[in-house]
Amino acid sequence: SILKSNYHILKDINLIVEYHSEFKFNSLIKFKQRLILNPEFLSNQNYFVHLKNVNFKTSAEDIIFYANFLKKNSNSVGKRKIALLTDTPIQVVSAKLYKSLLKNNYQTIEIFSTKEKALEWMDINDISINNIINYLKNSL
């Protein structure tokens, strides 16, 4: 299965940066399992998820399946913010479905079209997000 995703944990600012360029949801589940096993992972870390380069070839059923996986593994979910960075209408639709399925008291999910607005919402300053995204992209 195809997975072109990477992550970087920034413990000092309580942030996980995820970069995705291509994935299928079964591969994404394996990606999340690997992330959760990382010793630097904490359940309350905020997420900055870069989806702008993903060509979503997915169904609502795939998103529902993935959301159910995350719900079943909710012991890995603490109170946190999740910023989803999107670009295309299909990315926005998929992100909105994901957001509606995972709405709860523990996490707040918002969808953004710019990195700056996402970081502002997360109250994160002085971070070179472009360098981190380029590093993750080039490491695939």
C-alpha atoms as a PDB file:
ATOM      1  CA  SER A   1       0.000   0.000   0.000  1.00  0.00           C
ATOM      2  CA  ILE A   2       1.117   3.519  -0.769  1.00  0.00           C
ATOM      3  CA  LEU A   3       2.248   5.800   2.004  1.00  0.00           C
ATOM      4  CA  LYS A   4       4.134   9.009   1.417  1.00  0.00           C
ATOM      5  CA  SER A   5       3.870  10.535   4.859  1.00  0.00           C
ATOM      6  CA  ASN A   6       6.294  11.682   7.483  1.00  0.00           C
ATOM      7  CA  TYR A   7       6.205  13.425  10.850  1.00  0.00           C
ATOM      8  CA  HIS A   8       8.387  15.395  13.216  1.00  0.00           C
ATOM      9  CA  ILE A   9       7.757  15.831  16.940  1.00  0.00           C
ATOM     10  CA  LEU A  10       8.663  19.216  18.439  1.00  0.00           C
ATOM     11  CA  LYS A  11       8.448  18.454  22.158  1.00  0.00           C
ATOM     12  CA  ASP A  12       9.507  21.943  23.239  1.00  0.00           C
ATOM     13  CA  ILE A  13       6.359  23.490  21.719  1.00  0.00           C
ATOM     14  CA  ASN A  14       4.108  20.435  22.149  1.00  0.00           C
ATOM     15  CA  LEU A  15       3.582  19.962  18.404  1.00  0.00           C
ATOM     16  CA  ILE A  16       3.572  17.132  15.896  1.00  0.00           C
ATOM     17  CA  VAL A  17       4.021  18.222  12.287  1.00  0.00           C
ATOM     18  CA  GLU A  18       2.699  15.704   9.768  1.00  0.00           C
ATOM     19  CA  TYR A  19       3.363  15.934   6.051  1.00  0.00           C
ATOM     20  CA  HIS A  20       1.386  13.809   3.608  1.00  0.00           C
ATOM     21  CA  SER A  21       1.693  13.694  -0.161  1.00  0.00           C
ATOM     22  CA  GLU A  22      -0.046  10.421  -0.857  1.00  0.00           C
ATOM     23  CA  PHE A  23      -1.714   7.753   1.211  1.00  0.00           C
ATOM     24  CA  LYS A  24      -4.364   5.124   1.482  1.00  0.00           C
ATOM     25  CA  PHE A  25      -6.218   4.879   4.755  1.00  0.00           C
ATOM     26  CA  ASN A  26      -4.935   1.412   5.669  1.00  0.00           C
ATOM     27  CA  SER A  27      -1.382   2.774   5.311  1.00  0.00           C
ATOM     28  CA  LEU A  28      -2.332   5.835   7.331  1.00  0.00           C
ATOM     29  CA  ILE A  29      -3.414   3.592  10.205  1.00  0.00           C
ATOM     30  CA  LYS A  30       0.037   1.957  10.207  1.00  0.00           C
ATOM     31  CA  PHE A  31       1.601   5.438  10.109  1.00  0.00           C
ATOM     32  CA  LYS A  32      -0.432   6.487  13.181  1.00  0.00           C
ATOM     33  CA  GLN A  33       0.475   3.288  15.028  1.00  0.00           C
ATOM     34  CA  ARG A  34       4.164   3.980  14.373  1.00  0.00           C
ATOM     35  CA  LEU A  35       3.768   7.568  15.576  1.00  0.00           C
ATOM     36  CA  ILE A  36       2.026   6.522  18.800  1.00  0.00           C
ATOM     37  CA  LEU A  37       4.884   4.109  19.564  1.00  0.00           C
ATOM     38  CA  ASN A  38       7.478   6.896  19.272  1.00  0.00           C
ATOM     39  CA  PRO A  39       8.892   7.525  22.791  1.00  0.00           C
ATOM     40  CA  GLU A  40       8.555  11.297  22.242  1.00  0.00           C
ATOM     41  CA  PHE A  41       4.813  11.003  21.501  1.00  0.00           C
ATOM     42  CA  LEU A  42       2.476  12.458  24.125  1.00  0.00           C
ATOM     43  CA  SER A  43      -1.293  12.177  23.890  1.00  0.00           C
ATOM     44  CA  ASN A  44      -1.843  15.904  24.393  1.00  0.00           C
ATOM     45  CA  GLN A  45       0.474  17.114  21.623  1.00  0.00           C
ATOM     46  CA  ASN A  46      -1.092  19.432  19.078  1.00  0.00           C
ATOM     47  CA  TYR A  47      -1.051  18.514  15.393  1.00  0.00           C
ATOM     48  CA  PHE A  48      -0.214  20.523  12.306  1.00  0.00           C
ATOM     49  CA  VAL A  49      -1.227  18.290   9.389  1.00  0.00           C
ATOM     50  CA  HIS A  50      -0.123  19.347   5.895  1.00  0.00           C
ATOM     51  CA  LEU A  51      -2.532  17.814   3.356  1.00  0.00           C
ATOM     52  CA  LYS A  52      -2.098  20.307   0.504  1.00  0.00           C
ATOM     53  CA  ASN A  53      -0.243  17.844  -1.735  1.00  0.00           C
ATOM     54  CA  VAL A  54      -2.553  14.885  -1.178  1.00  0.00           C
ATOM     55  CA  ASN A  55      -4.639  13.751  -4.108  1.00  0.00           C
ATOM     56  CA  PHE A  56      -7.577  12.294  -2.177  1.00  0.00           C
ATOM     57  CA  LYS A  57      -8.840   9.178  -3.899  1.00  0.00           C
ATOM     58  CA  THR A  58     -10.924   8.108  -0.987  1.00  0.00           C
ATOM     59  CA  SER A  59     -14.494   7.434  -0.058  1.00  0.00           C
ATOM     60  CA  ALA A  60     -16.596   8.527   2.876  1.00  0.00           C
ATOM     61  CA  GLU A  61     -16.382   4.906   4.076  1.00  0.00           C
ATOM     62  CA  ASP A  62     -12.570   5.161   4.203  1.00  0.00           C
ATOM     63  CA  ILE A  63     -12.757   8.301   6.316  1.00  0.00           C
ATOM     64  CA  ILE A  64     -15.367   6.732   8.612  1.00  0.00           C
ATOM     65  CA  PHE A  65     -13.191   3.610   9.001  1.00  0.00           C
ATOM     66  CA  TYR A  66     -10.154   5.754   9.882  1.00  0.00           C
ATOM     67  CA  ALA A  67     -12.161   7.880  12.332  1.00  0.00           C
ATOM     68  CA  ASN A  68     -13.432   4.719  14.040  1.00  0.00           C
ATOM     69  CA  PHE A  69      -9.848   3.458  14.327  1.00  0.00           C
ATOM     70  CA  LEU A  70      -8.868   6.713  16.029  1.00  0.00           C
ATOM     71  CA  LYS A  71     -11.872   6.524  18.375  1.00  0.00           C
ATOM     72  CA  LYS A  72     -10.959   2.951  19.379  1.00  0.00           C
ATOM     73  CA  ASN A  73      -7.445   4.167  20.160  1.00  0.00           C
ATOM     74  CA  SER A  74      -8.679   7.161  22.108  1.00  0.00           C
ATOM     75  CA  ASN A  75      -6.353   6.326  24.988  1.00  0.00           C
ATOM     76  CA  SER A  76      -3.747   7.899  22.716  1.00  0.00           C
ATOM     77  CA  VAL A  77      -5.774  11.107  22.510  1.00  0.00           C
ATOM     78  CA  GLY A  78      -5.410  13.872  25.050  1.00  0.00           C
ATOM     79  CA  LYS A  79      -6.752  17.415  24.980  1.00  0.00           C
ATOM     80  CA  ARG A  80      -5.258  19.015  21.894  1.00  0.00           C
ATOM     81  CA  LYS A  81      -5.701  21.121  18.783  1.00  0.00           C
ATOM     82  CA  ILE A  82      -5.480  19.704  15.274  1.00  0.00           C
ATOM     83  CA  ALA A  83      -4.894  22.066  12.344  1.00  0.00           C
ATOM     84  CA  LEU A  84      -5.586  20.546   8.925  1.00  0.00           C
ATOM     85  CA  LEU A  85      -3.943  22.456   6.079  1.00  0.00           C
ATOM     86  CA  THR A  86      -5.826  21.992   2.804  1.00  0.00           C
ATOM     87  CA  ASP A  87      -5.819  23.469  -0.673  1.00  0.00           C
ATOM     88  CA  THR A  88      -8.388  21.834  -2.969  1.00  0.00           C
ATOM     89  CA  PRO A  89     -12.168  21.452  -2.623  1.00  0.00           C
ATOM     90  CA  ILE A  90     -11.927  17.642  -2.268  1.00  0.00           C
ATOM     91  CA  GLN A  91      -9.342  18.068   0.511  1.00  0.00           C
ATOM     92  CA  VAL A  92     -11.693  20.469   2.300  1.00  0.00           C
ATOM     93  CA  VAL A  93     -14.663  18.105   1.955  1.00  0.00           C
ATOM     94  CA  SER A  94     -12.637  15.149   3.270  1.00  0.00           C
ATOM     95  CA  ALA A  95     -11.274  17.260   6.137  1.00  0.00           C
ATOM     96  CA  LYS A  96     -14.790  18.462   7.059  1.00  0.00           C
ATOM     97  CA  LEU A  97     -16.087  14.896   7.189  1.00  0.00           C
ATOM     98  CA  TYR A  98     -13.093  13.889   9.337  1.00  0.00           C
ATOM     99  CA  LYS A  99     -13.711  16.879  11.612  1.00  0.00           C
ATOM    100  CA  SER A 100     -17.415  16.050  12.040  1.00  0.00           C
ATOM    101  CA  LEU A 101     -16.673  12.406  12.856  1.00  0.00           C
ATOM    102  CA  LEU A 102     -14.060  13.216  15.491  1.00  0.00           C
ATOM    103  CA  LYS A 103     -15.700  16.157  17.206  1.00  0.00           C
ATOM    104  CA  ASN A 104     -15.370  15.700  20.973  1.00  0.00           C
ATOM    105  CA  ASN A 105     -14.234  17.410  24.158  1.00  0.00           C
ATOM    106  CA  TYR A 106     -10.654  16.227  23.853  1.00  0.00           C
ATOM    107  CA  GLN A 107      -9.673  17.712  20.551  1.00  0.00           C
ATOM    108  CA  THR A 108     -10.525  20.768  18.528  1.00  0.00           C
ATOM    109  CA  ILE A 109     -10.108  20.355  14.779  1.00  0.00           C
ATOM    110  CA  GLU A 110      -9.978  23.289  12.375  1.00  0.00           C
ATOM    111  CA  ILE A 111      -9.310  23.498   8.653  1.00  0.00           C
ATOM    112  CA  PHE A 112      -7.001  26.148   7.181  1.00  0.00           C
ATOM    113  CA  SER A 113      -5.715  27.186   3.788  1.00  0.00           C
ATOM    114  CA  THR A 114      -2.596  28.967   5.091  1.00  0.00           C
ATOM    115  CA  LYS A 115       0.161  27.860   7.446  1.00  0.00           C
ATOM    116  CA  GLU A 116       0.198  31.269   9.086  1.00  0.00           C
ATOM    117  CA  LYS A 117      -3.480  31.163  10.134  1.00  0.00           C
ATOM    118  CA  ALA A 118      -3.114  27.587  11.395  1.00  0.00           C
ATOM    119  CA  LEU A 119      -0.105  28.488  13.549  1.00  0.00           C
ATOM    120  CA  GLU A 120      -1.824  31.644  14.806  1.00  0.00           C
ATOM    121  CA  TRP A 121      -4.854  29.561  15.882  1.00  0.00           C
ATOM    122  CA  MET A 122      -2.520  27.188  17.707  1.00  0.00           C
ATOM    123  CA  ASP A 123      -0.738  30.095  19.439  1.00  0.00           C
ATOM    124  CA  ILE A 124       2.600  29.038  17.972  1.00  0.00           C
ATOM    125  CA  ASN A 125       5.154  31.708  17.137  1.00  0.00           C
ATOM    126  CA  ASP A 126       8.757  31.682  15.967  1.00  0.00           C
ATOM    127  CA  ILE A 127       8.707  28.351  14.222  1.00  0.00           C
ATOM    128  CA  SER A 128      10.131  27.752  10.798  1.00  0.00           C
ATOM    129  CA  ILE A 129       7.309  25.524   9.622  1.00  0.00           C
ATOM    130  CA  ASN A 130       8.457  25.800   6.007  1.00  0.00           C
ATOM    131  CA  ASN A 131      11.841  24.299   6.869  1.00  0.00           C
ATOM    132  CA  ILE A 132      10.196  21.433   8.765  1.00  0.00           C
ATOM    133  CA  ILE A 133       7.728  20.723   5.943  1.00  0.00           C
ATOM    134  CA  ASN A 134      10.540  20.791   3.358  1.00  0.00           C
ATOM    135  CA  TYR A 135      12.602  18.438   5.524  1.00  0.00           C
ATOM    136  CA  LEU A 136       9.682  16.002   5.875  1.00  0.00           C
ATOM    137  CA  LYS A 137       8.866  16.230   2.159  1.00  0.00           C
ATOM    138  CA  ASN A 138      12.466  15.616   1.120  1.00  0.00           C
ATOM    139  CA  SER A 139      12.801  12.692   3.548  1.00  0.00           C
ATOM    140  CA  LEU A 140      10.105  10.654   1.793  1.00  0.00           C
END
